[in-house]
């Protein structure tokens, strides 16, 4: 249930930001509505690309802020 709420929140946030930016740039509600439809279509196939590029790293899944900056403590 928590995962579904988190995903729903992410989708709503992305759509709201896409609408707001498109509306601020164009002033068109129609274009902004189109942006909230196009944004997830582009985001879905592109989102895994950064994870794939990190996957080729020798430490792969260990990469994260805690691992990278553990020596700073």
Protein backbone atom coordinates (compact mmCIF):
# COMPACT_ATOMS: atom_id res chain seq x y z
CA UNK A 1 0.00 0.00 0.00
CA UNK A 2 2.84 2.38 0.84
CA UNK A 3 4.54 1.66 -2.49
CA UNK A 4 1.34 2.42 -4.41
CA UNK A 5 0.90 5.70 -2.53
CA UNK A 6 4.51 6.64 -3.21
CA UNK A 7 4.22 5.91 -6.95
CA UNK A 8 0.93 7.80 -7.18
CA UNK A 9 2.49 10.76 -5.40
CA UNK A 10 5.45 10.72 -7.83
CA UNK A 11 3.15 10.62 -10.86
CA UNK A 12 1.00 13.48 -9.57
CA UNK A 13 4.10 15.53 -8.74
CA UNK A 14 5.63 14.98 -12.20
CA UNK A 15 2.38 15.86 -13.94
CA UNK A 16 1.89 19.00 -11.83
CA UNK A 17 5.43 20.21 -12.46
CA UNK A 18 5.18 19.47 -16.19
CA UNK A 19 1.90 21.41 -16.38
CA UNK A 20 3.25 24.34 -14.37
CA UNK A 21 6.44 24.68 -16.40
CA UNK A 22 4.66 24.33 -19.74
CA UNK A 23 2.00 26.85 -18.69
CA UNK A 24 4.61 29.30 -17.40
CA UNK A 25 6.53 29.07 -20.66
CA UNK A 26 3.61 29.19 -23.09
CA UNK A 27 0.52 30.44 -21.26
CA UNK A 28 -1.46 27.76 -23.07
CA UNK A 29 -3.65 25.38 -21.07
CA UNK A 30 -3.97 23.12 -24.13
CA UNK A 31 -0.21 22.79 -24.60
CA UNK A 32 0.27 22.30 -20.86
CA UNK A 33 -2.29 19.50 -20.87
CA UNK A 34 -0.43 17.90 -23.74
CA UNK A 35 2.80 18.17 -21.73
CA UNK A 36 1.36 16.18 -18.82
CA UNK A 37 0.52 13.38 -21.25
CA UNK A 38 3.83 13.44 -23.10
CA UNK A 39 6.04 13.73 -19.99
CA UNK A 40 5.35 10.19 -18.64
CA UNK A 41 5.65 8.73 -22.15
CA UNK A 42 9.17 10.15 -22.45
CA UNK A 43 10.11 9.63 -18.80
CA UNK A 44 9.24 5.91 -18.71
CA UNK A 45 11.81 4.67 -21.24
CA UNK A 46 14.47 7.25 -20.31
CA UNK A 47 14.35 6.89 -16.49
CA UNK A 48 16.26 3.55 -16.32
CA UNK A 49 19.21 4.88 -18.37
CA UNK A 50 21.11 6.46 -15.44
CA UNK A 51 20.69 3.25 -13.45
CA UNK A 52 22.07 1.21 -16.35
CA UNK A 53 25.10 3.45 -16.66
CA UNK A 54 25.84 3.08 -12.93
CA UNK A 55 25.34 -0.68 -13.22
CA UNK A 56 28.56 -0.93 -15.22
CA UNK A 57 30.52 0.45 -12.28
CA UNK A 58 32.60 -2.13 -10.35
CA UNK A 59 30.63 -1.44 -7.17
CA UNK A 60 27.32 -1.35 -9.09
CA UNK A 61 24.42 -1.39 -6.66
CA UNK A 62 26.54 -0.18 -3.75
CA UNK A 63 26.73 3.29 -5.23
CA UNK A 64 24.82 5.76 -3.14
CA UNK A 65 25.50 8.78 -1.03
CA UNK A 66 26.27 6.68 2.05
CA UNK A 67 28.78 4.50 0.21
CA UNK A 68 30.43 7.27 -1.78
CA UNK A 69 30.82 9.60 1.18
CA UNK A 70 31.40 7.03 3.93
CA UNK A 71 35.05 8.11 4.21
CA UNK A 72 33.97 11.64 5.20
CA UNK A 73 32.67 10.61 8.61
